[in-house]
Protein backbone atom coordinates (compact mmCIF):
# COMPACT_ATOMS: atom_id res chain seq x y z
CA MET A 1 104.40 31.58 141.38
CA SER A 2 100.77 30.55 141.14
CA ASN A 3 100.71 32.28 137.71
CA ARG A 4 103.48 30.00 136.48
CA ARG A 5 101.78 26.96 137.83
CA GLU A 6 98.57 27.86 136.09
CA PHE A 7 100.46 28.45 132.89
CA ILE A 8 102.18 25.02 133.04
CA ILE A 9 98.88 23.23 133.96
CA GLN A 10 97.00 24.95 131.02
CA CYS A 11 99.85 23.99 128.63
CA SER A 12 99.63 20.35 129.69
CA PHE A 13 95.85 20.44 129.06
CA ALA A 14 96.39 22.04 125.75
CA THR A 15 98.95 19.53 124.75
CA GLY A 16 96.64 16.56 125.80
CA ALA A 17 93.74 18.10 123.89
CA LEU A 18 95.82 18.43 120.61
CA ALA A 19 96.96 14.85 121.11
CA THR A 20 93.48 13.63 121.42
CA THR A 21 92.33 15.74 118.51
CA SER A 22 94.88 14.55 116.14
CA VAL A 23 93.98 10.78 117.06
CA PHE A 24 90.31 11.38 116.15
CA ALA A 25 91.10 13.54 113.14
CA GLN A 26 92.73 10.44 111.61
CA GLY A 27 89.37 8.75 111.39
CA ALA A 28 88.12 5.25 111.84
CA MET A 29 89.19 2.35 109.40
CA VAL A 30 86.80 1.86 106.40
CA ASP A 31 84.68 -1.16 106.95
CA GLU A 32 84.61 -3.49 103.87
CA LYS A 33 80.84 -3.78 104.31
CA ASP A 34 80.47 0.00 104.02
CA ALA A 35 78.43 1.04 100.98
CA GLN A 36 81.21 3.03 99.31
CA ALA A 37 83.64 0.27 100.08
CA THR A 38 81.36 -2.35 98.58
CA ALA A 39 80.86 -0.32 95.52
CA LEU A 40 84.57 -0.04 95.02
CA ALA A 41 85.31 -3.70 95.97
CA TYR A 42 87.52 -2.51 98.79
CA LYS A 43 89.46 -5.04 100.66
CA ALA A 44 91.75 -4.33 103.67
CA ASP A 45 93.87 -7.23 102.52
CA GLY A 46 94.30 -6.67 98.78
CA THR A 47 95.45 -10.24 98.29
CA LYS A 48 91.83 -11.29 99.03
CA THR A 49 90.66 -9.33 95.94
CA ASP A 50 88.55 -11.43 93.52
CA LYS A 51 90.82 -11.85 90.60
CA VAL A 52 88.02 -13.23 88.42
CA LYS A 53 85.91 -10.09 88.73
CA PHE A 54 89.11 -7.87 88.61
CA PRO A 55 91.51 -9.40 86.23
CA LYS A 56 93.55 -6.12 86.01
CA TYR A 57 94.36 -6.48 89.76
CA ALA A 58 98.05 -7.42 90.39
CA ASP A 59 99.57 -8.51 93.72
CA THR A 60 101.84 -5.51 93.41
CA GLN A 61 98.94 -3.15 93.72
CA ASN A 62 97.77 -1.88 97.12
CA CYS A 63 96.55 1.38 98.72
CA SER A 64 100.00 2.39 99.81
CA ASN A 65 101.19 2.64 96.18
CA CYS A 66 98.05 4.32 95.00
CA ALA A 67 98.03 7.86 93.80
CA LEU A 68 94.96 8.53 96.09
CA TYR A 69 96.63 7.27 99.38
CA GLN A 70 97.32 10.12 101.63
CA GLY A 71 100.13 8.65 103.77
CA LYS A 72 103.60 7.56 103.48
CA ALA A 73 104.15 4.38 101.53
CA ASP A 74 105.26 2.55 104.69
CA ALA A 75 102.21 3.70 106.76
CA LYS A 76 99.94 0.88 108.04
CA ALA A 77 96.89 3.06 107.22
CA ALA A 78 96.04 6.55 105.87
CA GLY A 79 93.43 8.69 104.51
CA CYS A 80 91.82 8.32 101.12
CA PRO A 81 89.62 10.91 99.37
CA LEU A 82 87.25 8.17 98.27
CA PHE A 83 86.36 7.43 101.96
CA ALA A 84 86.10 10.79 103.49
CA GLY A 85 87.10 10.95 107.10
CA LYS A 86 88.08 7.26 107.14
CA GLN A 87 91.30 5.37 106.68
CA VAL A 88 92.25 2.57 104.38
CA ALA A 89 94.75 -0.18 105.09
CA GLY A 90 98.14 0.30 103.35
CA LYS A 91 97.79 -3.35 102.19
CA GLY A 92 94.40 -2.79 101.05
CA TRP A 93 93.08 -2.46 97.45
CA CYS A 94 89.96 -1.12 95.60
CA SER A 95 88.86 -0.86 92.10
CA ALA A 96 89.82 2.86 91.92
CA TRP A 97 93.49 2.01 92.35
CA VAL A 98 95.81 4.32 90.27
CA LYS A 99 99.55 3.92 90.02
CA LYS A 100 101.39 6.61 92.01
CA ALA A 101 103.48 8.67 89.60
C-alpha cells in the first residue's frame, strides 16, 4: 500500500511541476519600453499606434492576425519570434506586422 501512496504523491508533484513549467514557459509580456519593442514601435494596444509615423497602419492590423503571431487568433497573448521568450498582446501592433496568409 505504501508504494501506491508514494506513486500517487509523486504523480501529483510531477503534475504540479509541469503546470508551473508551462506557465513560466509562456514568458512575460513585452514591455513597450523594451529596446526591441521601441525599435519596432510595438504597442500593446495597436489603436495607439502613431498613424503619422506609420501611415500604412490600419485599424484592422493587430498581432493576432500577423503571420508572426504564434497563438490562436482569439488568444489574448502569445509568443512572437521578434521578442524571444516574451509574449505580445493579441490586440498589439508593431512595424513588422505581416498579413497572415
